[in-house]
C-alpha cells in the first residue's frame, strides 16, 4: 500500500486476503490512499469483527460478494458445468487442475 501513488483508489473484486485489511483502513484514514472499493473480504461470509465493515470511512465502499448471484451469471455457470461434463464424457476434459 505504501508503494501506491498518494490518492490512488484500490479496487479488489478478485480474492479476499490479497490486501491487509487493517493496513488498508490505516492508509484510508491517514490519507495514504484516496479510496477503496471491495466486494470480497478475507473471510466470507464476513464476521462483525472485519475491520473494513467497522471502519465507517467515506472513502471506502464494501459491497456484498454477490456477482455470481444474478440470473445471467447462474445460467452461465450452469452452461459451463454442462460443457465440462460433456467434454469429460467425450474424452476431451477442460479446465483441468
N, C-alpha and C. Protein backbone atom coordinates (compact mmCIF):
# COMPACT_ATOMS: atom_id res chain seq x y z
N UNK A 1 0.82 -1.20 0.00
CA UNK A 1 0.00 0.00 0.00
C UNK A 1 0.87 1.26 0.00
N UNK A 2 2.00 1.19 0.67
CA UNK A 2 2.88 2.35 0.74
C UNK A 2 3.52 2.66 -0.61
N UNK A 3 3.58 1.69 -1.50
CA UNK A 3 4.19 1.90 -2.81
C UNK A 3 3.21 2.50 -3.82
N UNK A 4 1.94 2.58 -3.45
CA UNK A 4 0.95 3.17 -4.35
C UNK A 4 1.06 4.68 -4.34
N UNK A 5 0.64 5.30 -5.43
CA UNK A 5 0.66 6.76 -5.51
C UNK A 5 -0.31 7.34 -4.49
N UNK A 6 0.04 8.44 -3.85
CA UNK A 6 -0.89 9.09 -2.92
C UNK A 6 -2.18 9.45 -3.64
N UNK A 7 -3.28 9.17 -3.01
CA UNK A 7 -4.59 9.47 -3.59
C UNK A 7 -5.13 8.39 -4.49
N UNK A 8 -4.38 7.31 -4.71
CA UNK A 8 -4.84 6.22 -5.58
C UNK A 8 -6.07 5.56 -4.97
N UNK A 9 -6.85 4.93 -5.84
CA UNK A 9 -8.03 4.18 -5.41
C UNK A 9 -7.75 2.70 -5.66
N UNK A 10 -7.92 1.90 -4.65
CA UNK A 10 -7.69 0.46 -4.73
C UNK A 10 -9.02 -0.27 -4.83
N UNK A 11 -9.16 -1.12 -5.84
CA UNK A 11 -10.38 -1.91 -6.03
C UNK A 11 -10.00 -3.38 -5.96
N UNK A 12 -10.67 -4.14 -5.10
CA UNK A 12 -10.45 -5.58 -5.02
C UNK A 12 -11.78 -6.28 -5.23
N UNK A 13 -11.90 -6.88 -6.40
CA UNK A 13 -13.07 -7.72 -6.67
C UNK A 13 -12.59 -9.10 -7.11
N UNK A 14 -11.38 -9.46 -6.67
CA UNK A 14 -10.77 -10.71 -7.08
C UNK A 14 -10.86 -11.76 -5.97
N UNK A 15 -10.05 -11.62 -4.96
CA UNK A 15 -9.97 -12.60 -3.87
C UNK A 15 -9.79 -11.88 -2.55
N UNK A 16 -10.43 -12.42 -1.54
CA UNK A 16 -10.22 -11.91 -0.21
C UNK A 16 -8.85 -12.30 0.29
N UNK A 17 -8.30 -11.51 1.17
CA UNK A 17 -6.99 -11.82 1.74
C UNK A 17 -5.82 -11.29 0.93
N UNK A 18 -6.06 -10.71 -0.23
CA UNK A 18 -4.97 -10.14 -1.03
C UNK A 18 -4.43 -8.86 -0.41
N UNK A 19 -5.26 -8.21 0.38
CA UNK A 19 -4.88 -6.93 0.98
C UNK A 19 -5.02 -7.05 2.49
N UNK A 20 -4.02 -6.55 3.20
CA UNK A 20 -4.08 -6.50 4.66
C UNK A 20 -5.16 -5.48 5.03
N UNK A 21 -6.27 -5.95 5.53
CA UNK A 21 -7.43 -5.08 5.77
C UNK A 21 -7.16 -4.04 6.85
N UNK A 22 -6.40 -4.38 7.87
CA UNK A 22 -6.07 -3.40 8.91
C UNK A 22 -5.18 -2.30 8.34
N UNK A 23 -4.20 -2.68 7.52
CA UNK A 23 -3.33 -1.68 6.89
C UNK A 23 -4.12 -0.81 5.92
N UNK A 24 -5.10 -1.39 5.23
CA UNK A 24 -5.93 -0.61 4.32
C UNK A 24 -6.71 0.46 5.07
N UNK A 25 -7.30 0.09 6.18
CA UNK A 25 -8.05 1.06 6.98
C UNK A 25 -7.14 2.20 7.42
N UNK A 26 -5.94 1.87 7.85
CA UNK A 26 -4.99 2.92 8.27
C UNK A 26 -4.62 3.82 7.10
N UNK A 27 -4.37 3.23 5.92
CA UNK A 27 -4.00 4.02 4.75
C UNK A 27 -5.13 4.96 4.33
N UNK A 28 -6.36 4.49 4.45
CA UNK A 28 -7.51 5.33 4.11
C UNK A 28 -7.71 6.43 5.15
N UNK A 29 -7.55 6.08 6.40
CA UNK A 29 -7.77 7.02 7.49
C UNK A 29 -6.75 8.16 7.49
N UNK A 30 -5.49 7.84 7.15
CA UNK A 30 -4.43 8.83 7.23
C UNK A 30 -4.07 9.43 5.87
N UNK A 31 -4.87 9.17 4.85
CA UNK A 31 -4.70 9.83 3.56
C UNK A 31 -3.67 9.25 2.62
N UNK A 32 -3.10 8.09 2.96
CA UNK A 32 -2.16 7.46 2.05
C UNK A 32 -2.85 7.02 0.77
N UNK A 33 -4.06 6.54 0.88
CA UNK A 33 -4.88 6.16 -0.27
C UNK A 33 -6.07 7.09 -0.36
N UNK A 34 -6.51 7.33 -1.59
CA UNK A 34 -7.67 8.20 -1.78
C UNK A 34 -8.98 7.49 -1.53
N UNK A 35 -9.00 6.19 -1.79
CA UNK A 35 -10.23 5.44 -1.58
C UNK A 35 -10.03 3.98 -1.90
N UNK A 36 -11.06 3.19 -1.57
CA UNK A 36 -11.02 1.75 -1.84
C UNK A 36 -12.44 1.24 -2.05
N UNK A 37 -12.54 0.26 -2.91
CA UNK A 37 -13.79 -0.43 -3.15
C UNK A 37 -13.55 -1.92 -3.13
N UNK A 38 -14.27 -2.64 -2.29
CA UNK A 38 -14.08 -4.08 -2.14
C UNK A 38 -15.43 -4.79 -2.23
N UNK A 39 -15.45 -5.92 -2.94
CA UNK A 39 -16.65 -6.75 -2.91
C UNK A 39 -16.32 -8.13 -2.37
N UNK A 40 -15.11 -8.28 -1.86
CA UNK A 40 -14.71 -9.56 -1.26
C UNK A 40 -13.81 -9.26 -0.06
N UNK A 41 -14.02 -10.00 0.99
CA UNK A 41 -13.26 -9.80 2.22
C UNK A 41 -12.46 -11.06 2.54
N UNK A 42 -11.55 -10.95 3.49
CA UNK A 42 -10.71 -12.09 3.86
C UNK A 42 -11.54 -13.29 4.25
N UNK A 43 -12.61 -13.06 4.95
CA UNK A 43 -13.47 -14.15 5.39
C UNK A 43 -14.87 -13.94 4.83
N UNK A 44 -15.37 -14.93 4.10
CA UNK A 44 -16.72 -14.89 3.55
C UNK A 44 -17.51 -16.08 4.08
N UNK A 45 -18.69 -15.90 4.60
CA UNK A 45 -19.32 -14.61 4.85
C UNK A 45 -18.56 -13.87 5.95
N UNK A 46 -18.59 -12.55 5.88
CA UNK A 46 -17.82 -11.75 6.84
C UNK A 46 -18.40 -11.82 8.24
N UNK A 47 -17.52 -11.60 9.18
CA UNK A 47 -17.95 -11.51 10.59
C UNK A 47 -17.96 -10.04 10.98
N UNK A 48 -18.63 -9.75 12.06
CA UNK A 48 -18.74 -8.36 12.53
C UNK A 48 -17.40 -7.75 12.90
N UNK A 49 -16.40 -8.58 13.13
CA UNK A 49 -15.09 -8.05 13.55
C UNK A 49 -14.22 -7.62 12.37
N UNK A 50 -14.70 -7.74 11.14
CA UNK A 50 -13.89 -7.35 9.99
C UNK A 50 -13.63 -5.84 10.04
N UNK A 51 -12.35 -5.44 9.93
CA UNK A 51 -12.03 -4.01 10.05
C UNK A 51 -12.66 -3.15 8.96
N UNK A 52 -12.89 -3.71 7.77
CA UNK A 52 -13.49 -2.90 6.71
C UNK A 52 -14.96 -2.63 6.99
N UNK A 53 -15.63 -3.55 7.67
CA UNK A 53 -17.03 -3.34 7.99
C UNK A 53 -17.21 -2.38 9.15
N UNK A 54 -16.22 -2.29 10.02
CA UNK A 54 -16.30 -1.41 11.18
C UNK A 54 -15.76 -0.02 10.91
N UNK A 55 -15.05 0.17 9.80
CA UNK A 55 -14.30 1.41 9.55
C UNK A 55 -15.18 2.65 9.42
N UNK A 56 -16.30 2.57 8.76
CA UNK A 56 -17.20 3.71 8.54
C UNK A 56 -16.45 4.93 7.98
N UNK A 57 -15.75 4.71 6.87
CA UNK A 57 -14.99 5.77 6.22
C UNK A 57 -15.70 6.20 4.95
N UNK A 58 -15.75 7.50 4.66
CA UNK A 58 -16.44 7.97 3.45
C UNK A 58 -15.74 7.58 2.15
N UNK A 59 -14.47 7.20 2.23
CA UNK A 59 -13.71 6.84 1.04
C UNK A 59 -13.54 5.32 0.88
N UNK A 60 -14.43 4.56 1.53
CA UNK A 60 -14.41 3.10 1.46
C UNK A 60 -15.80 2.59 1.12
N UNK A 61 -15.87 1.76 0.09
CA UNK A 61 -17.13 1.12 -0.28
C UNK A 61 -16.93 -0.39 -0.20
N UNK A 62 -17.78 -1.06 0.54
CA UNK A 62 -17.76 -2.52 0.63
C UNK A 62 -19.14 -3.01 0.19
N UNK A 63 -19.16 -3.83 -0.84
CA UNK A 63 -20.41 -4.35 -1.37
C UNK A 63 -20.47 -5.86 -1.12
N UNK A 64 -21.67 -6.44 -1.13
CA UNK A 64 -21.78 -7.88 -0.95
C UNK A 64 -21.09 -8.64 -2.08
N UNK A 65 -20.47 -9.72 -1.75
CA UNK A 65 -19.77 -10.57 -2.73
C UNK A 65 -20.82 -11.44 -3.44
N UNK A 66 -21.58 -10.80 -4.33
CA UNK A 66 -22.74 -11.47 -4.94
C UNK A 66 -22.76 -11.43 -6.46
N UNK A 67 -21.64 -11.17 -7.13
CA UNK A 67 -21.64 -11.06 -8.58
C UNK A 67 -22.14 -12.35 -9.23
N UNK A 68 -21.93 -13.48 -8.59
CA UNK A 68 -22.36 -14.76 -9.14
C UNK A 68 -23.88 -14.95 -9.02
N UNK A 69 -24.55 -14.11 -8.26
CA UNK A 69 -25.95 -14.35 -7.90
C UNK A 69 -26.97 -13.92 -8.93
N UNK A 70 -26.57 -13.20 -9.97
CA UNK A 70 -27.57 -12.76 -10.96
C UNK A 70 -28.06 -13.95 -11.77
N UNK A 71 -29.23 -13.83 -12.34
CA UNK A 71 -29.79 -14.90 -13.17
C UNK A 71 -28.84 -15.22 -14.32
N UNK A 72 -28.32 -14.18 -14.97
CA UNK A 72 -27.41 -14.38 -16.10
C UNK A 72 -26.17 -15.15 -15.68
N UNK A 73 -25.59 -14.80 -14.54
CA UNK A 73 -24.38 -15.48 -14.07
C UNK A 73 -24.67 -16.93 -13.73
N UNK A 74 -25.80 -17.21 -13.12
CA UNK A 74 -26.14 -18.60 -12.78
C UNK A 74 -26.36 -19.42 -14.04
N UNK A 75 -27.01 -18.86 -15.07
CA UNK A 75 -27.17 -19.58 -16.34
C UNK A 75 -25.81 -19.87 -16.97
N UNK A 76 -24.92 -18.89 -16.92
CA UNK A 76 -23.59 -19.09 -17.49
C UNK A 76 -22.83 -20.19 -16.74
N UNK A 77 -22.92 -20.18 -15.41
CA UNK A 77 -22.27 -21.23 -14.62
C UNK A 77 -22.85 -22.60 -14.96
N UNK A 78 -24.15 -22.69 -15.12
CA UNK A 78 -24.80 -23.95 -15.48
C UNK A 78 -24.32 -24.42 -16.86
N UNK A 79 -24.25 -23.50 -17.82
CA UNK A 79 -23.77 -23.85 -19.16
C UNK A 79 -22.33 -24.35 -19.12
N UNK A 80 -21.50 -23.71 -18.31
CA UNK A 80 -20.10 -24.15 -18.17
C UNK A 80 -20.02 -25.54 -17.56
N UNK A 81 -20.87 -25.81 -16.57
CA UNK A 81 -20.90 -27.13 -15.95
C UNK A 81 -21.29 -28.20 -16.96
N UNK A 82 -22.33 -27.94 -17.73
CA UNK A 82 -22.78 -28.91 -18.74
C UNK A 82 -21.68 -29.15 -19.76
N UNK A 83 -21.02 -28.08 -20.22
CA UNK A 83 -19.93 -28.23 -21.19
C UNK A 83 -18.78 -29.05 -20.61
N UNK A 84 -18.44 -28.79 -19.35
CA UNK A 84 -17.37 -29.57 -18.69
C UNK A 84 -17.73 -31.05 -18.64
N UNK A 85 -18.95 -31.36 -18.27
CA UNK A 85 -19.37 -32.77 -18.19
C UNK A 85 -19.36 -33.41 -19.56
N UNK A 86 -19.91 -32.74 -20.56
CA UNK A 86 -19.95 -33.29 -21.92
C UNK A 86 -18.56 -33.53 -22.48
N UNK A 87 -17.66 -32.58 -22.27
CA UNK A 87 -16.30 -32.75 -22.78
C UNK A 87 -15.56 -33.86 -22.05
N UNK A 88 -15.78 -33.98 -20.75
CA UNK A 88 -15.16 -35.07 -19.99
C UNK A 88 -15.66 -36.42 -20.51
N UNK A 89 -16.97 -36.54 -20.74
CA UNK A 89 -17.55 -37.78 -21.24
C UNK A 89 -17.05 -38.10 -22.64
N UNK A 90 -16.72 -37.10 -23.42
CA UNK A 90 -16.22 -37.29 -24.78
C UNK A 90 -14.70 -37.54 -24.80
N UNK A 91 -14.08 -37.57 -23.64
CA UNK A 91 -12.63 -37.81 -23.57
C UNK A 91 -11.78 -36.58 -23.86
N UNK A 92 -12.38 -35.42 -23.77
CA UNK A 92 -11.67 -34.16 -24.04
C UNK A 92 -11.90 -33.20 -22.87
N UNK A 93 -11.41 -33.56 -21.67
CA UNK A 93 -11.68 -32.71 -20.49
C UNK A 93 -11.06 -31.34 -20.63
N UNK A 94 -11.71 -30.35 -20.00
CA UNK A 94 -11.19 -28.98 -19.98
C UNK A 94 -11.13 -28.51 -18.55
N UNK A 95 -10.48 -27.39 -18.34
CA UNK A 95 -10.36 -26.77 -17.01
C UNK A 95 -9.74 -27.74 -15.99
N UNK A 96 -8.71 -28.45 -16.42
CA UNK A 96 -8.04 -29.39 -15.51
C UNK A 96 -7.17 -28.64 -14.51
N UNK A 97 -7.10 -29.17 -13.32
CA UNK A 97 -6.28 -28.57 -12.28
C UNK A 97 -5.17 -29.55 -11.94
